[in-house]
Amino acid sequence: MKIKKNMNILFWITLVSFVGWFVSWGYLTKDLPVELAFLPLEWANWIWMIIPIYTIYYSYKNRKVGKAIRNIIAAVILILVLIPGLIPDNKVKYNNIHKYEEILNINFPKTGILINEIGLDIDDNKDDIRIELAYYKKSIDISKLENQIKKSKQWTKKENVGKKLYKILPDIVRFDDEQYILVYNNDTKEYNTPLEENKIYDIYTAIYYKKYRAIYIYHYQYNNKEE
């Protein structure tokens, strides 16, 4: 009788722990870019993983008692939900970000998180898109970085981006509040300038998202085909 009662308790604890994980995930990631949505979950997921693992152990040990299979299924589903947060991300050495300082006309903070990704774009004018995302936790002071961007002649507010410059941006760029943009033509060494038609250019586009305390750097080949 006691074992059956424990089985019921474990089942409900497993269900409640799923809700608990979802709430903690929402709280921990509310101020993070999408690419970092699982970054703070590695330690949190290991904590939540204890409950379904114990549920499986206890239920299998007492599998001859009713409701064991139900508990194991619920626990396995929860584990499958938690696993993505345990998968290694695309973090690289943060020091790599300093190679962009001259191009972007800014000095990056000494510490931060750097994610390296390969991007895809629905616009066939843009090829070989590589993305580096620098993110700074609230414990890191980025006021100097932000002031440099605001005062820089190379960076411009999103509302000042004209149509000719807008079409150069990768389609995966998300527009948000308090956003600054820089487009650097690595061939002509010019900033935020329209491109000649029927030429292929090596382009760097940088986006600063104040809300997320993050800078995206896109490097790609842009084929400015005649329309």
C-alpha atoms as a PDB file:
ATOM      1  CA  MET A   1       0.000   0.000   0.000  1.00  0.00           C
ATOM      2  CA  LYS A   2       2.838   2.360   0.872  1.00  0.00           C
ATOM      3  CA  ILE A   3       4.620   1.623  -2.417  1.00  0.00           C
ATOM      4  CA  LYS A   4       1.462   2.410  -4.423  1.00  0.00           C
ATOM      5  CA  LYS A   5       1.146   5.681  -2.573  1.00  0.00           C
ATOM      6  CA  ASN A   6       4.781   6.504  -3.310  1.00  0.00           C
ATOM      7  CA  MET A   7       4.172   5.687  -6.976  1.00  0.00           C
ATOM      8  CA  ASN A   8       1.349   8.208  -7.140  1.00  0.00           C
ATOM      9  CA  ILE A   9       3.407  10.833  -5.347  1.00  0.00           C
ATOM     10  CA  LEU A  10       6.334  10.337  -7.751  1.00  0.00           C
ATOM     11  CA  PHE A  11       4.038  10.609 -10.755  1.00  0.00           C
ATOM     12  CA  TRP A  12       2.643  13.942  -9.638  1.00  0.00           C
ATOM     13  CA  ILE A  13       6.062  15.223  -8.602  1.00  0.00           C
ATOM     14  CA  THR A  14       7.333  14.355 -12.093  1.00  0.00           C
ATOM     15  CA  LEU A  15       4.473  16.292 -13.720  1.00  0.00           C
ATOM     16  CA  VAL A  16       4.933  19.267 -11.407  1.00  0.00           C
ATOM     17  CA  SER A  17       8.687  19.263 -12.041  1.00  0.00           C
ATOM     18  CA  PHE A  18       7.991  19.739 -15.764  1.00  0.00           C
ATOM     19  CA  VAL A  19       6.045  22.897 -14.922  1.00  0.00           C
ATOM     20  CA  GLY A  20       8.845  23.940 -12.578  1.00  0.00           C
ATOM     21  CA  TRP A  21      11.435  23.464 -15.312  1.00  0.00           C
ATOM     22  CA  PHE A  22       9.356  25.483 -17.779  1.00  0.00           C
ATOM     23  CA  VAL A  23       8.976  28.363 -15.308  1.00  0.00           C
ATOM     24  CA  SER A  24      12.694  28.362 -14.465  1.00  0.00           C
ATOM     25  CA  TRP A  25      13.578  28.218 -18.180  1.00  0.00           C
ATOM     26  CA  GLY A  26      11.375  31.224 -18.892  1.00  0.00           C
ATOM     27  CA  TYR A  27      12.903  33.197 -16.032  1.00  0.00           C
ATOM     28  CA  LEU A  28      16.522  32.349 -16.846  1.00  0.00           C
ATOM     29  CA  THR A  29      16.239  33.081 -20.572  1.00  0.00           C
ATOM     30  CA  LYS A  30      13.906  36.091 -20.673  1.00  0.00           C
ATOM     31  CA  ASP A  31      16.752  38.524 -21.428  1.00  0.00           C
ATOM     32  CA  LEU A  32      18.785  36.254 -23.695  1.00  0.00           C
ATOM     33  CA  PRO A  33      19.069  36.148 -27.493  1.00  0.00           C
ATOM     34  CA  VAL A  34      17.464  33.087 -29.093  1.00  0.00           C
ATOM     35  CA  GLU A  35      20.886  31.549 -29.812  1.00  0.00           C
ATOM     36  CA  LEU A  36      21.622  31.467 -26.074  1.00  0.00           C
ATOM     37  CA  ALA A  37      18.250  30.135 -24.955  1.00  0.00           C
ATOM     38  CA  PHE A  38      19.821  26.994 -23.503  1.00  0.00           C
ATOM     39  CA  LEU A  39      22.998  28.591 -22.141  1.00  0.00           C
ATOM     40  CA  PRO A  40      21.915  28.894 -18.474  1.00  0.00           C
ATOM     41  CA  LEU A  41      20.043  25.600 -18.509  1.00  0.00           C
ATOM     42  CA  GLU A  42      22.962  23.211 -18.276  1.00  0.00           C
ATOM     43  CA  TRP A  43      23.178  23.402 -14.477  1.00  0.00           C
ATOM     44  CA  ALA A  44      19.411  23.880 -14.051  1.00  0.00           C
ATOM     45  CA  ASN A  45      18.617  20.845 -16.189  1.00  0.00           C
ATOM     46  CA  TRP A  46      20.962  18.635 -14.178  1.00  0.00           C
ATOM     47  CA  ILE A  47      19.053  19.626 -11.035  1.00  0.00           C
ATOM     48  CA  TRP A  48      15.649  18.909 -12.592  1.00  0.00           C
ATOM     49  CA  MET A  49      17.007  15.642 -14.037  1.00  0.00           C
ATOM     50  CA  ILE A  50      17.282  14.168 -10.539  1.00  0.00           C
ATOM     51  CA  ILE A  51      13.498  13.786 -10.228  1.00  0.00           C
ATOM     52  CA  PRO A  52      12.770  11.735 -13.391  1.00  0.00           C
ATOM     53  CA  ILE A  53      15.894   9.600 -12.882  1.00  0.00           C
ATOM     54  CA  TYR A  54      14.778   8.696  -9.378  1.00  0.00           C
ATOM     55  CA  THR A  55      11.222   8.090 -10.632  1.00  0.00           C
ATOM     56  CA  ILE A  56      12.523   5.606 -13.213  1.00  0.00           C
ATOM     57  CA  TYR A  57      14.737   3.886 -10.642  1.00  0.00           C
ATOM     58  CA  TYR A  58      12.000   3.553  -8.006  1.00  0.00           C
ATOM     59  CA  SER A  59       9.304   2.556 -10.508  1.00  0.00           C
ATOM     60  CA  TYR A  60      11.464  -0.071 -12.191  1.00  0.00           C
ATOM     61  CA  LYS A  61      12.529  -1.458  -8.832  1.00  0.00           C
ATOM     62  CA  ASN A  62       8.842  -1.849  -7.923  1.00  0.00           C
ATOM     63  CA  ARG A  63       7.661  -2.671 -11.446  1.00  0.00           C
ATOM     64  CA  LYS A  64       5.443  -5.499 -10.203  1.00  0.00           C
ATOM     65  CA  VAL A  65       3.316  -2.911  -8.450  1.00  0.00           C
ATOM     66  CA  GLY A  66       0.714  -1.085 -10.562  1.00  0.00           C
ATOM     67  CA  LYS A  67       1.402   2.267 -12.280  1.00  0.00           C
ATOM     68  CA  ALA A  68       5.136   1.643 -12.697  1.00  0.00           C
ATOM     69  CA  ILE A  69       4.960   1.893 -16.509  1.00  0.00           C
ATOM     70  CA  ARG A  70       2.950   5.122 -16.274  1.00  0.00           C
ATOM     71  CA  ASN A  71       5.625   6.675 -14.047  1.00  0.00           C
ATOM     72  CA  ILE A  72       8.484   5.528 -16.280  1.00  0.00           C
ATOM     73  CA  ILE A  73       6.825   6.963 -19.399  1.00  0.00           C
ATOM     74  CA  ALA A  74       6.237  10.335 -17.679  1.00  0.00           C
ATOM     75  CA  ALA A  75       9.839  10.398 -16.441  1.00  0.00           C
ATOM     76  CA  VAL A  76      11.266   9.528 -19.872  1.00  0.00           C
ATOM     77  CA  ILE A  77       9.251  12.327 -21.499  1.00  0.00           C
ATOM     78  CA  LEU A  78      10.620  14.814 -18.964  1.00  0.00           C
ATOM     79  CA  ILE A  79      14.184  13.630 -19.586  1.00  0.00           C
ATOM     80  CA  LEU A  80      13.708  14.116 -23.351  1.00  0.00           C
ATOM     81  CA  VAL A  81      12.578  17.683 -22.647  1.00  0.00           C
ATOM     82  CA  LEU A  82      15.634  18.352 -20.478  1.00  0.00           C
ATOM     83  CA  ILE A  83      18.260  16.844 -22.802  1.00  0.00           C
ATOM     84  CA  PRO A  84      18.544  19.813 -25.248  1.00  0.00           C
ATOM     85  CA  GLY A  85      19.809  21.991 -22.391  1.00  0.00           C
ATOM     86  CA  LEU A  86      22.668  19.537 -21.852  1.00  0.00           C
ATOM     87  CA  ILE A  87      23.894  19.494 -25.458  1.00  0.00           C
ATOM     88  CA  PRO A  88      27.215  21.373 -25.863  1.00  0.00           C
ATOM     89  CA  ASP A  89      26.733  24.761 -27.519  1.00  0.00           C
ATOM     90  CA  ASN A  90      28.851  26.550 -30.116  1.00  0.00           C
ATOM     91  CA  LYS A  91      30.873  28.585 -27.647  1.00  0.00           C
ATOM     92  CA  VAL A  92      34.396  29.496 -28.749  1.00  0.00           C
ATOM     93  CA  LYS A  93      37.224  31.397 -27.081  1.00  0.00           C
ATOM     94  CA  TYR A  94      35.963  34.886 -26.331  1.00  0.00           C
ATOM     95  CA  ASN A  95      39.332  36.451 -27.227  1.00  0.00           C
ATOM     96  CA  ASN A  96      38.515  35.783 -30.895  1.00  0.00           C
ATOM     97  CA  ILE A  97      36.162  38.781 -30.815  1.00  0.00           C
ATOM     98  CA  HIS A  98      39.016  41.270 -30.547  1.00  0.00           C
ATOM     99  CA  LYS A  99      39.994  40.715 -34.200  1.00  0.00           C
ATOM    100  CA  TYR A 100      36.905  42.750 -35.173  1.00  0.00           C
ATOM    101  CA  GLU A 101      37.750  45.840 -33.124  1.00  0.00           C
ATOM    102  CA  GLU A 102      39.424  47.756 -35.943  1.00  0.00           C
ATOM    103  CA  ILE A 103      36.659  47.035 -38.448  1.00  0.00           C
ATOM    104  CA  LEU A 104      33.865  47.872 -36.006  1.00  0.00           C
ATOM    105  CA  ASN A 105      35.632  50.912 -34.501  1.00  0.00           C
ATOM    106  CA  ILE A 106      35.026  49.720 -30.909  1.00  0.00           C
ATOM    107  CA  ASN A 107      36.881  48.075 -28.029  1.00  0.00           C
ATOM    108  CA  PHE A 108      35.193  44.986 -26.652  1.00  0.00           C
ATOM    109  CA  PRO A 109      35.073  44.208 -22.908  1.00  0.00           C
ATOM    110  CA  LYS A 110      37.770  41.816 -21.670  1.00  0.00           C
ATOM    111  CA  THR A 111      35.276  39.102 -20.778  1.00  0.00           C
ATOM    112  CA  GLY A 112      32.098  37.810 -22.347  1.00  0.00           C
ATOM    113  CA  ILE A 113      30.546  34.846 -24.136  1.00  0.00           C
ATOM    114  CA  LEU A 114      31.179  34.208 -27.834  1.00  0.00           C
ATOM    115  CA  ILE A 115      29.060  31.903 -29.993  1.00  0.00           C
ATOM    116  CA  ASN A 116      30.132  30.846 -33.498  1.00  0.00           C
ATOM    117  CA  GLU A 117      27.535  29.662 -36.034  1.00  0.00           C
ATOM    118  CA  ILE A 118      26.940  29.110 -39.737  1.00  0.00           C
ATOM    119  CA  GLY A 119      23.875  30.926 -41.048  1.00  0.00           C
ATOM    120  CA  LEU A 120      21.430  30.285 -43.891  1.00  0.00           C
ATOM    121  CA  ASP A 121      19.560  32.940 -45.824  1.00  0.00           C
ATOM    122  CA  ILE A 122      16.533  32.802 -48.113  1.00  0.00           C
ATOM    123  CA  ASP A 123      18.137  35.460 -50.317  1.00  0.00           C
ATOM    124  CA  ASP A 124      20.429  33.722 -52.824  1.00  0.00           C
ATOM    125  CA  ASN A 125      22.415  36.969 -53.131  1.00  0.00           C
ATOM    126  CA  LYS A 126      24.063  36.159 -49.806  1.00  0.00           C
ATOM    127  CA  ASP A 127      26.381  33.156 -49.503  1.00  0.00           C
ATOM    128  CA  ASP A 128      28.675  31.582 -46.927  1.00  0.00           C
ATOM    129  CA  ILE A 129      27.176  33.424 -43.926  1.00  0.00           C
ATOM    130  CA  ARG A 130      29.203  33.098 -40.743  1.00  0.00           C
ATOM    131  CA  ILE A 131      27.880  34.485 -37.470  1.00  0.00           C
ATOM    132  CA  GLU A 132      29.664  35.390 -34.264  1.00  0.00           C
ATOM    133  CA  LEU A 133      27.561  36.503 -31.311  1.00  0.00           C
ATOM    134  CA  ALA A 134      29.166  38.280 -28.355  1.00  0.00           C
ATOM    135  CA  TYR A 135      26.964  38.325 -25.258  1.00  0.00           C
ATOM    136  CA  TYR A 136      27.570  40.102 -21.953  1.00  0.00           C
ATOM    137  CA  LYS A 137      25.974  39.167 -18.654  1.00  0.00           C
ATOM    138  CA  LYS A 138      24.561  41.909 -16.452  1.00  0.00           C
ATOM    139  CA  SER A 139      27.553  41.548 -14.146  1.00  0.00           C
ATOM    140  CA  ILE A 140      29.801  42.878 -16.958  1.00  0.00           C
ATOM    141  CA  ASP A 141      29.969  46.639 -17.449  1.00  0.00           C
ATOM    142  CA  ILE A 142      29.363  47.458 -21.126  1.00  0.00           C
ATOM    143  CA  SER A 143      28.712  51.183 -20.720  1.00  0.00           C
ATOM    144  CA  LYS A 144      31.993  52.080 -22.501  1.00  0.00           C
ATOM    145  CA  LEU A 145      31.149  49.767 -25.371  1.00  0.00           C
ATOM    146  CA  GLU A 146      27.697  51.274 -25.727  1.00  0.00           C
ATOM    147  CA  ASN A 147      29.016  54.838 -25.652  1.00  0.00           C
ATOM    148  CA  GLN A 148      31.544  54.027 -28.371  1.00  0.00           C
ATOM    149  CA  ILE A 149      28.791  52.650 -30.588  1.00  0.00           C
ATOM    150  CA  LYS A 150      26.505  55.651 -30.014  1.00  0.00           C
ATOM    151  CA  LYS A 151      29.270  58.164 -30.756  1.00  0.00           C
ATOM    152  CA  SER A 152      30.797  56.285 -33.685  1.00  0.00           C
ATOM    153  CA  LYS A 153      30.344  57.621 -37.224  1.00  0.00           C
ATOM    154  CA  GLN A 154      30.369  54.059 -38.530  1.00  0.00           C
ATOM    155  CA  TRP A 155      27.396  52.842 -36.479  1.00  0.00           C
ATOM    156  CA  THR A 156      23.884  54.043 -37.272  1.00  0.00           C
ATOM    157  CA  LYS A 157      20.473  53.625 -35.641  1.00  0.00           C
ATOM    158  CA  LYS A 158      18.153  51.122 -37.308  1.00  0.00           C
ATOM    159  CA  GLU A 159      15.696  53.864 -38.329  1.00  0.00           C
ATOM    160  CA  ASN A 160      18.441  55.512 -40.409  1.00  0.00           C
ATOM    161  CA  VAL A 161      19.050  52.424 -42.544  1.00  0.00           C
ATOM    162  CA  GLY A 162      17.926  53.190 -46.090  1.00  0.00           C
ATOM    163  CA  LYS A 163      16.441  50.721 -48.578  1.00  0.00           C
ATOM    164  CA  LYS A 164      19.695  50.212 -50.482  1.00  0.00           C
ATOM    165  CA  LEU A 165      21.561  49.395 -47.300  1.00  0.00           C
ATOM    166  CA  TYR A 166      18.688  47.370 -45.848  1.00  0.00           C
ATOM    167  CA  LYS A 167      18.761  44.870 -48.723  1.00  0.00           C
ATOM    168  CA  ILE A 168      22.425  44.101 -47.957  1.00  0.00           C
ATOM    169  CA  LEU A 169      21.544  42.886 -44.454  1.00  0.00           C
ATOM    170  CA  PRO A 170      21.025  39.153 -43.942  1.00  0.00           C
ATOM    171  CA  ASP A 171      17.345  38.210 -43.771  1.00  0.00           C
ATOM    172  CA  ILE A 172      18.017  36.533 -40.422  1.00  0.00           C
ATOM    173  CA  VAL A 173      18.715  39.925 -38.829  1.00  0.00           C
ATOM    174  CA  ARG A 174      15.952  40.655 -36.316  1.00  0.00           C
ATOM    175  CA  PHE A 175      14.937  44.247 -35.765  1.00  0.00           C
ATOM    176  CA  ASP A 176      14.328  45.287 -32.193  1.00  0.00           C
ATOM    177  CA  ASP A 177      14.261  48.373 -29.968  1.00  0.00           C
ATOM    178  CA  GLU A 178      17.458  50.360 -29.378  1.00  0.00           C
ATOM    179  CA  GLN A 179      19.396  48.765 -32.190  1.00  0.00           C
ATOM    180  CA  TYR A 180      22.543  50.001 -33.943  1.00  0.00           C
ATOM    181  CA  ILE A 181      23.839  48.733 -37.283  1.00  0.00           C
ATOM    182  CA  LEU A 182      27.148  48.795 -39.147  1.00  0.00           C
ATOM    183  CA  VAL A 183      27.819  47.504 -42.663  1.00  0.00           C
ATOM    184  CA  TYR A 184      31.472  47.257 -43.719  1.00  0.00           C
ATOM    185  CA  ASN A 185      32.540  46.565 -47.297  1.00  0.00           C
ATOM    186  CA  ASN A 186      35.809  44.666 -46.943  1.00  0.00           C
ATOM    187  CA  ASP A 187      36.645  45.227 -50.613  1.00  0.00           C
ATOM    188  CA  THR A 188      36.193  48.997 -50.798  1.00  0.00           C
ATOM    189  CA  LYS A 189      36.890  49.609 -47.074  1.00  0.00           C
ATOM    190  CA  GLU A 190      33.730  51.736 -46.865  1.00  0.00           C
ATOM    191  CA  TYR A 191      30.969  51.851 -44.270  1.00  0.00           C
ATOM    192  CA  ASN A 192      27.210  51.889 -44.849  1.00  0.00           C
ATOM    193  CA  THR A 193      27.464  52.669 -48.545  1.00  0.00           C
ATOM    194  CA  PRO A 194      25.377  51.334 -51.474  1.00  0.00           C
ATOM    195  CA  LEU A 195      27.060  48.739 -53.708  1.00  0.00           C
ATOM    196  CA  GLU A 196      27.727  48.770 -57.417  1.00  0.00           C
ATOM    197  CA  GLU A 197      25.539  46.356 -59.359  1.00  0.00           C
ATOM    198  CA  ASN A 198      26.744  43.049 -60.792  1.00  0.00           C
ATOM    199  CA  LYS A 199      29.631  42.711 -58.391  1.00  0.00           C
ATOM    200  CA  ILE A 200      30.348  40.314 -55.530  1.00  0.00           C
ATOM    201  CA  TYR A 201      31.464  41.862 -52.250  1.00  0.00           C
ATOM    202  CA  ASP A 202      32.953  40.625 -49.002  1.00  0.00           C
ATOM    203  CA  ILE A 203      30.655  42.111 -46.346  1.00  0.00           C
ATOM    204  CA  TYR A 204      30.685  42.433 -42.557  1.00  0.00           C
ATOM    205  CA  THR A 205      27.427  43.440 -40.889  1.00  0.00           C
ATOM    206  CA  ALA A 206      27.330  44.110 -37.154  1.00  0.00           C
ATOM    207  CA  ILE A 207      24.193  44.574 -35.054  1.00  0.00           C
ATOM    208  CA  TYR A 208      24.144  45.824 -31.472  1.00  0.00           C
ATOM    209  CA  TYR A 209      21.051  44.870 -29.475  1.00  0.00           C
ATOM    210  CA  LYS A 210      20.887  46.942 -26.311  1.00  0.00           C
ATOM    211  CA  LYS A 211      17.986  44.867 -24.949  1.00  0.00           C
ATOM    212  CA  TYR A 212      20.006  41.639 -25.141  1.00  0.00           C
ATOM    213  CA  ARG A 213      23.433  43.128 -24.340  1.00  0.00           C
ATOM    214  CA  ALA A 214      24.696  41.420 -27.467  1.00  0.00           C
ATOM    215  CA  ILE A 215      26.534  42.142 -30.702  1.00  0.00           C
ATOM    216  CA  TYR A 216      25.983  39.990 -33.783  1.00  0.00           C
ATOM    217  CA  ILE A 217      28.696  39.963 -36.450  1.00  0.00           C
ATOM    218  CA  TYR A 218      27.748  38.528 -39.854  1.00  0.00           C
ATOM    219  CA  HIS A 219      30.437  37.817 -42.466  1.00  0.00           C
ATOM    220  CA  TYR A 220      29.244  36.834 -45.937  1.00  0.00           C
ATOM    221  CA  GLN A 221      29.598  37.215 -49.679  1.00  0.00           C
ATOM    222  CA  TYR A 222      27.017  39.493 -51.271  1.00  0.00           C
ATOM    223  CA  ASN A 223      26.257  39.280 -54.993  1.00  0.00           C
ATOM    224  CA  ASN A 224      24.686  42.606 -55.945  1.00  0.00           C
ATOM    225  CA  LYS A 225      22.786  41.392 -58.981  1.00  0.00           C
ATOM    226  CA  GLU A 226      21.110  43.908 -61.221  1.00  0.00           C
ATOM    227  CA  GLU A 227      17.364  44.041 -60.498  1.00  0.00           C
END
